[in-house]
Amino acid sequence: MLKLWLVAAALVASGSASLAQGTPAQQGAAAPLKPAVVYDLGGKFDKSFNEGVYNGAEAFKKETGVEYRDFEPQNEAQKEQALRRFAREGFSPIVAVGFSQQSAVEKTATEFPGIRFALIDAVVDKPNVRSITFKEHEGSYLVGLLAARASKSGKLGFVGGMDIPLIRKFACGYVQGVKAAKKDAQVFQNMTGTTGAAWNDPVKGGELARSQIDRGADVIYHAAGGTGIGVLRAAADAGKLGIGVDSNQNMLHPGKVLTSMVKRVDVATHTAFTQARDQNWGGHRILGLKEDGVAWADDEHNKALITPEMRSAVETAAADIKSGKIQVHDYMADGKCPG
């Protein structure tokens, strides 16, 4: 796995934008560091997206001794309420997890220009906001390549959470990777729902996975947060292979999870806390394979599943994506997916 300190150092070195007028740094004194996190729906122990953020916050606390506060919203309205409450109480930086907090961060950052905010998976163009997005399509291409090479049926599956362009971006990259390895492969796709509840419905995730298995899918990738726990369980129970997302989920069903598309939200959170401490803030960071922001999970739990040929193919593809030789199409650029 990638080393947290190495990626964090690279991000710190990437530069900063100026702070908003009236922020503590411009007043000539560093404000006390009081970090906070407002998670997305699904809970901080979802074994996926939110838990990656939690792990990054915990790593920072362990290294520095600095405590942080966090909040697990039960509905969309609670996100903005929590951001405003933390800001009033002087917490800074406040990490807002998920694209759905974009509007809330924009409002709250305007209201509290002296508070630093970090927004994961969306962009707010304000000097006191650090926006962090990822090239999920690049990591998804790699796991698609592995999935096609591991598949015996030539039929594969994808289960998304909430049906939004960001999750279509995962699916599109995955399809491109599958087709690069096996042009005539079929990829079945299902989304769980159209509301935030789609992130935390493992029963529905299992049902969708089983329906794809019934159609012949023998490898299924999920990008569904807590819902994906049901996808991985259904695949394992049926003797098929699952692919995890965001956090490394290989250990959930050792030998039955082919790999995980790791999205380094842990590093993004750790770096946000570090840069707030160091008075280095603002701007938009886009993290892909080249920036070590996404990767495929390779550990003792999936070692037996990855053949030397598969490893060589995925390492070559990763190098070609980094160099620009392979261009993975970003669904969010035009709402289209080639192939």
Protein backbone atom coordinates (compact mmCIF):
# COMPACT_ATOMS: atom_id res chain seq x y z
CA MET A 1 0.00 0.00 0.00
CA LEU A 2 1.05 3.60 -0.51
CA LYS A 3 2.79 5.31 2.35
CA LEU A 4 0.64 8.00 3.99
CA TRP A 5 3.55 10.24 4.81
CA LEU A 6 4.93 10.16 1.27
CA VAL A 7 1.65 11.19 -0.35
CA ALA A 8 0.97 13.82 2.29
CA ALA A 9 4.41 15.32 1.73
CA ALA A 10 3.80 15.49 -2.00
CA LEU A 11 0.51 17.25 -1.51
CA VAL A 12 1.98 19.72 0.97
CA ALA A 13 4.67 20.54 -1.58
CA SER A 14 2.09 21.28 -4.26
CA GLY A 15 1.55 24.85 -3.14
CA SER A 16 -1.24 26.96 -1.72
CA ALA A 17 -3.60 29.79 -2.54
CA SER A 18 -4.07 32.94 -0.45
CA LEU A 19 -6.42 32.97 2.50
CA ALA A 20 -9.59 35.02 2.68
CA GLN A 21 -9.29 38.55 3.97
CA GLY A 22 -9.65 38.60 7.72
CA THR A 23 -8.53 35.02 8.29
CA PRO A 24 -6.35 34.30 11.33
CA ALA A 25 -3.23 33.86 9.17
CA GLN A 26 -3.57 37.34 7.66
CA GLN A 27 -4.10 38.84 11.07
CA GLY A 28 -0.55 37.74 11.88
CA ALA A 29 -1.32 35.03 14.42
CA ALA A 30 -2.00 31.36 13.94
CA ALA A 31 -5.38 30.29 15.24
CA PRO A 32 -5.50 27.22 17.49
CA LEU A 33 -5.94 24.07 15.43
CA LYS A 34 -9.42 22.64 16.07
CA PRO A 35 -10.17 20.12 13.31
CA ALA A 36 -13.63 18.72 12.64
CA VAL A 37 -15.24 16.34 10.16
CA VAL A 38 -18.81 16.21 8.83
CA TYR A 39 -19.28 12.83 7.18
CA ASP A 40 -21.49 11.90 4.26
CA LEU A 41 -24.55 9.70 4.78
CA GLY A 42 -23.79 6.08 5.54
CA GLY A 43 -21.84 6.50 8.79
CA LYS A 44 -18.15 6.80 9.52
CA PHE A 45 -17.73 3.03 9.86
CA ASP A 46 -19.04 2.18 6.39
CA LYS A 47 -15.81 0.27 5.57
CA SER A 48 -15.51 2.55 2.53
CA PHE A 49 -15.61 6.29 1.78
CA ASN A 50 -16.42 7.76 5.19
CA GLU A 51 -14.18 5.32 7.00
CA GLY A 52 -11.26 6.37 4.83
CA VAL A 53 -11.76 9.95 6.03
CA TYR A 54 -12.01 8.71 9.62
CA ASN A 55 -8.74 6.79 9.23
CA GLY A 56 -6.96 9.89 7.98
CA ALA A 57 -8.25 11.95 10.91
CA GLU A 58 -7.22 9.24 13.34
CA ALA A 59 -3.74 9.03 11.81
CA PHE A 60 -3.29 12.79 12.27
CA LYS A 61 -4.48 12.57 15.89
CA LYS A 62 -2.09 9.72 16.61
CA GLU A 63 0.86 11.58 15.09
CA THR A 64 0.21 14.98 16.64
CA GLY A 65 -1.94 14.43 19.69
CA VAL A 66 -4.46 16.97 18.32
CA GLU A 67 -8.04 15.92 18.99
CA TYR A 68 -10.81 16.44 16.47
CA ARG A 69 -14.61 16.43 16.53
CA ASP A 70 -16.82 14.67 14.02
CA PHE A 71 -20.49 14.32 13.15
CA GLU A 72 -22.48 11.63 11.36
CA PRO A 73 -25.55 13.22 9.70
CA GLN A 74 -28.74 11.23 9.36
CA ASN A 75 -30.18 13.43 6.61
CA GLU A 76 -29.06 16.15 4.20
CA ALA A 77 -30.27 19.07 6.34
CA GLN A 78 -28.05 18.04 9.22
CA LYS A 79 -24.91 18.51 7.13
CA GLU A 80 -25.27 22.28 6.82
CA GLN A 81 -26.39 22.54 10.44
CA ALA A 82 -23.27 20.70 11.57
CA LEU A 83 -20.95 22.82 9.41
CA ARG A 84 -22.43 26.02 10.80
CA ARG A 85 -22.31 24.76 14.39
CA PHE A 86 -18.66 23.73 14.13
CA ALA A 87 -17.79 27.08 12.50
CA ARG A 88 -19.54 29.04 15.25
CA GLU A 89 -17.57 27.10 17.83
CA GLY A 90 -14.30 28.00 16.11
CA PHE A 91 -13.42 24.62 14.64
CA SER A 92 -10.98 24.89 11.75
CA PRO A 93 -10.33 23.19 9.44
CA ILE A 94 -13.70 21.56 8.90
CA VAL A 95 -13.62 18.65 6.45
CA ALA A 96 -16.91 18.23 4.57
CA VAL A 97 -17.18 14.75 3.08
CA GLY A 98 -18.98 14.25 -0.22
CA PHE A 99 -20.24 16.16 -3.26
CA SER A 100 -23.63 16.75 -1.59
CA GLN A 101 -22.04 19.25 0.82
CA GLN A 102 -20.99 21.62 -1.95
CA SER A 103 -23.83 24.10 -1.47
CA ALA A 104 -23.61 23.95 2.33
CA VAL A 105 -19.85 24.59 2.26
CA GLU A 106 -20.28 27.53 -0.13
CA LYS A 107 -22.84 29.17 2.17
CA THR A 108 -20.99 28.47 5.39
CA ALA A 109 -17.58 29.47 4.03
CA THR A 110 -19.06 32.80 2.93
CA GLU A 111 -20.61 33.32 6.35
CA PHE A 112 -17.39 32.40 8.18
CA PRO A 113 -14.44 33.69 6.06
CA GLY A 114 -11.99 33.14 8.92
CA ILE A 115 -12.71 29.40 9.07
CA ARG A 116 -10.95 26.94 6.80
CA PHE A 117 -13.04 24.28 5.04
CA ALA A 118 -11.93 21.24 3.05
CA LEU A 119 -14.47 19.79 0.60
CA ILE A 120 -13.99 16.27 -0.72
CA ASP A 121 -15.49 15.36 -4.13
CA ALA A 122 -16.70 18.80 -5.19
CA VAL A 123 -15.34 22.29 -5.83
CA VAL A 124 -16.09 25.58 -4.12
CA ASP A 125 -14.02 28.49 -5.42
CA LYS A 126 -13.37 30.45 -2.25
CA PRO A 127 -10.01 31.34 -0.68
CA ASN A 128 -10.86 29.66 2.63
CA VAL A 129 -11.92 26.40 0.94
CA ARG A 130 -9.57 23.59 -0.07
CA SER A 131 -11.39 21.55 -2.75
CA ILE A 132 -10.20 17.97 -3.28
CA THR A 133 -11.36 15.81 -6.18
CA PHE A 134 -10.08 12.54 -7.61
CA LYS A 135 -9.59 10.85 -10.97
CA GLU A 136 -11.71 7.86 -9.99
CA HIS A 137 -11.96 6.81 -13.63
CA GLU A 138 -8.22 6.08 -13.71
CA GLY A 139 -8.30 3.73 -10.72
CA SER A 140 -11.51 2.15 -12.01
CA TYR A 141 -9.81 1.43 -15.35
CA LEU A 142 -7.15 -0.58 -13.55
CA VAL A 143 -9.61 -2.70 -11.57
CA GLY A 144 -11.65 -3.22 -14.75
CA LEU A 145 -8.53 -4.53 -16.46
CA LEU A 146 -7.97 -6.98 -13.60
CA ALA A 147 -11.65 -7.95 -13.52
CA ALA A 148 -11.72 -8.88 -17.20
CA ARG A 149 -8.58 -10.98 -16.85
CA ALA A 150 -9.99 -12.76 -13.78
CA SER A 151 -13.40 -13.40 -15.33
CA LYS A 152 -14.11 -16.85 -16.74
CA SER A 153 -17.57 -16.02 -18.13
CA GLY A 154 -16.70 -12.77 -19.85
CA LYS A 155 -19.63 -11.21 -17.98
CA LEU A 156 -18.98 -8.67 -15.26
CA GLY A 157 -21.00 -6.40 -13.01
CA PHE A 158 -21.02 -2.91 -11.55
CA VAL A 159 -23.25 -1.75 -8.68
CA GLY A 160 -23.30 1.97 -7.98
CA GLY A 161 -24.81 3.81 -5.06
CA MET A 162 -26.67 7.03 -5.79
CA ASP A 163 -27.21 7.55 -9.52
CA ILE A 164 -25.12 10.68 -10.07
CA PRO A 165 -22.43 11.67 -12.61
CA LEU A 166 -19.65 10.96 -10.10
CA ILE A 167 -20.66 7.30 -9.79
CA ARG A 168 -21.15 7.03 -13.55
CA LYS A 169 -17.52 8.20 -13.71
CA PHE A 170 -16.46 5.09 -11.74
CA ALA A 171 -18.56 2.85 -13.98
CA CYS A 172 -17.24 4.39 -17.18
CA GLY A 173 -13.60 3.94 -16.21
CA TYR A 174 -14.33 0.36 -15.19
CA VAL A 175 -15.96 -0.46 -18.53
CA GLN A 176 -13.01 1.01 -20.41
CA GLY A 177 -10.59 -1.15 -18.44
CA VAL A 178 -12.70 -4.26 -18.99
CA LYS A 179 -12.94 -3.64 -22.73
CA ALA A 180 -9.21 -2.94 -23.01
CA ALA A 181 -8.53 -6.45 -21.72
CA LYS A 182 -11.47 -8.27 -23.29
CA LYS A 183 -13.22 -6.39 -26.09
CA ASP A 184 -16.29 -8.64 -26.25
CA ALA A 185 -16.93 -8.72 -22.49
CA GLN A 186 -20.34 -7.68 -21.14
CA VAL A 187 -20.70 -5.34 -18.16
CA PHE A 188 -24.03 -5.25 -16.33
CA GLN A 189 -24.69 -1.99 -14.49
CA ASN A 190 -27.18 -1.14 -11.75
CA MET A 191 -27.54 1.89 -9.51
CA THR A 192 -29.03 1.52 -6.04
CA GLY A 193 -31.18 4.65 -5.93
CA THR A 194 -31.53 8.38 -6.46
CA THR A 195 -31.35 9.64 -2.87
CA GLY A 196 -28.72 9.62 -0.13
CA ALA A 197 -30.23 6.40 1.24
CA ALA A 198 -28.56 4.60 -1.68
CA TRP A 199 -25.25 4.76 0.18
CA ASN A 200 -26.41 2.66 3.11
CA ASP A 201 -28.57 -0.21 1.83
CA PRO A 202 -26.50 -3.43 1.90
CA VAL A 203 -29.66 -5.54 1.46
CA LYS A 204 -30.41 -3.83 -1.86
CA GLY A 205 -26.76 -4.08 -2.80
CA GLY A 206 -26.86 -7.82 -2.27
CA GLU A 207 -30.04 -8.15 -4.33
CA LEU A 208 -28.53 -6.26 -7.26
CA ALA A 209 -25.34 -8.32 -7.11
CA ARG A 210 -27.30 -11.59 -7.08
CA SER A 211 -29.34 -10.48 -10.09
CA GLN A 212 -26.11 -9.83 -12.01
CA ILE A 213 -24.71 -13.19 -10.92
CA ASP A 214 -27.89 -14.85 -12.17
CA ARG A 215 -27.15 -13.30 -15.58
CA GLY A 216 -23.65 -14.77 -15.57
CA ALA A 217 -21.47 -12.12 -13.92
CA ASP A 218 -18.55 -13.63 -12.03
CA VAL A 219 -16.74 -10.40 -11.00
CA ILE A 220 -18.67 -7.42 -9.58
CA TYR A 221 -17.26 -3.97 -8.75
CA HIS A 222 -19.16 -1.68 -6.43
CA ALA A 223 -18.98 2.08 -5.90
CA ALA A 224 -21.77 2.27 -3.36
CA GLY A 225 -20.42 3.10 0.10
CA GLY A 226 -22.05 1.01 2.82
CA THR A 227 -24.37 -0.56 0.25
CA GLY A 228 -21.35 -2.24 -1.26
CA ILE A 229 -20.88 -4.40 1.85
CA GLY A 230 -23.91 -6.34 0.64
CA VAL A 231 -22.46 -6.57 -2.87
CA LEU A 232 -19.21 -8.08 -1.64
CA ARG A 233 -21.01 -10.49 0.66
CA ALA A 234 -23.35 -11.69 -2.10
CA ALA A 235 -20.43 -12.25 -4.47
CA ALA A 236 -18.46 -14.17 -1.85
CA ASP A 237 -21.46 -16.30 -0.86
CA ALA A 238 -21.98 -17.23 -4.52
CA GLY A 239 -18.34 -18.17 -5.03
CA LYS A 240 -17.75 -15.16 -7.28
CA LEU A 241 -15.34 -12.22 -6.96
CA GLY A 242 -16.11 -8.75 -5.69
CA ILE A 243 -14.12 -5.54 -6.08
CA GLY A 244 -14.10 -3.03 -3.24
CA VAL A 245 -13.91 0.75 -3.37
CA ASP A 246 -12.51 3.82 -1.61
CA SER A 247 -10.90 1.98 1.33
CA ASN A 248 -9.04 -1.31 0.93
CA GLN A 249 -11.84 -3.87 1.37
CA ASN A 250 -9.79 -6.95 0.46
CA MET A 251 -9.87 -8.22 4.03
CA LEU A 252 -13.67 -8.30 4.26
CA HIS A 253 -13.76 -11.59 2.33
CA PRO A 254 -10.17 -12.78 1.89
CA GLY A 255 -9.71 -14.66 -1.36
CA LYS A 256 -13.10 -13.47 -2.64
CA VAL A 257 -12.31 -9.78 -3.18
CA LEU A 258 -10.18 -9.49 -6.31
CA THR A 259 -8.92 -6.02 -5.38
CA SER A 260 -10.21 -2.62 -4.26
CA MET A 261 -10.08 0.72 -6.05
CA VAL A 262 -8.48 2.74 -3.29
CA LYS A 263 -9.33 6.42 -3.22
CA ARG A 264 -6.99 8.17 -0.82
CA VAL A 265 -9.50 10.22 1.14
CA ASP A 266 -7.46 9.26 4.20
CA VAL A 267 -4.49 11.14 2.77
CA ALA A 268 -6.69 14.06 1.70
CA THR A 269 -8.03 14.42 5.25
CA HIS A 270 -4.64 14.02 6.91
CA THR A 271 -3.16 16.58 4.51
CA ALA A 272 -6.00 19.05 5.11
CA PHE A 273 -5.35 18.95 8.86
CA THR A 274 -1.59 19.26 8.31
CA GLN A 275 -1.82 22.17 5.91
CA ALA A 276 -4.23 24.04 8.17
CA ARG A 277 -1.70 23.64 10.96
CA ASP A 278 1.06 24.91 8.66
CA GLN A 279 -0.99 27.88 7.39
CA ASN A 280 -1.01 26.48 3.84
CA TRP A 281 -4.52 26.60 2.45
CA GLY A 282 -6.91 27.17 -0.44
CA GLY A 283 -7.03 25.99 -4.02
CA HIS A 284 -8.23 22.89 -5.84
CA ARG A 285 -6.30 19.62 -5.78
CA ILE A 286 -7.07 16.90 -8.35
CA LEU A 287 -5.59 13.54 -7.40
CA GLY A 288 -5.17 10.70 -9.87
CA LEU A 289 -2.72 7.85 -10.42
CA LYS A 290 0.17 10.22 -11.07
CA GLU A 291 -0.46 11.98 -7.76
CA ASP A 292 -0.98 8.67 -5.88
CA GLY A 293 -4.56 9.71 -5.19
CA VAL A 294 -6.05 6.45 -6.51
CA ALA A 295 -4.66 2.92 -6.72
CA TRP A 296 -5.55 -0.76 -6.80
CA ALA A 297 -5.19 -2.64 -3.52
CA ASP A 298 -2.52 -5.33 -3.49
CA ASP A 299 -1.99 -7.26 -0.25
CA GLU A 300 -1.89 -10.69 1.36
CA HIS A 301 -5.67 -11.06 1.10
CA ASN A 302 -5.76 -11.06 -2.72
CA LYS A 303 -2.24 -12.28 -3.46
CA ALA A 304 -3.42 -15.66 -4.73
CA LEU A 305 -5.91 -14.03 -7.11
CA ILE A 306 -3.44 -11.84 -9.00
CA THR A 307 -1.38 -13.83 -11.52
CA PRO A 308 2.01 -12.58 -12.76
CA GLU A 309 0.38 -11.80 -16.11
CA MET A 310 -2.34 -9.75 -14.45
CA ARG A 311 0.20 -7.87 -12.36
CA SER A 312 2.33 -7.08 -15.40
CA ALA A 313 -0.70 -5.88 -17.36
CA VAL A 314 -2.01 -3.61 -14.62
CA GLU A 315 1.42 -2.15 -13.84
CA THR A 316 1.97 -1.40 -17.53
CA ALA A 317 -1.45 0.23 -17.80
CA ALA A 318 -0.81 2.34 -14.70
CA ALA A 319 2.48 3.57 -16.14
CA ASP A 320 0.81 4.35 -19.47
CA ILE A 321 -1.96 6.34 -17.76
CA LYS A 322 0.59 8.33 -15.79
CA SER A 323 2.59 9.09 -18.93
CA GLY A 324 -0.49 9.99 -20.95
CA LYS A 325 -0.13 7.09 -23.38
CA ILE A 326 -3.52 5.79 -22.20
CA GLN A 327 -6.22 8.43 -21.87
CA VAL A 328 -9.10 7.24 -19.68
CA HIS A 329 -12.27 9.11 -20.58
CA ASP A 330 -13.85 11.13 -17.77
CA TYR A 331 -17.64 10.68 -17.87
CA MET A 332 -18.12 13.99 -16.02
CA ALA A 333 -16.49 15.86 -18.90
CA ASP A 334 -19.38 15.28 -21.30
CA GLY A 335 -21.81 12.74 -19.79
CA LYS A 336 -20.72 10.08 -22.27
CA CYS A 337 -18.92 6.77 -21.93
CA PRO A 338 -17.15 5.31 -24.99
CA GLY A 339 -17.77 1.61 -25.53
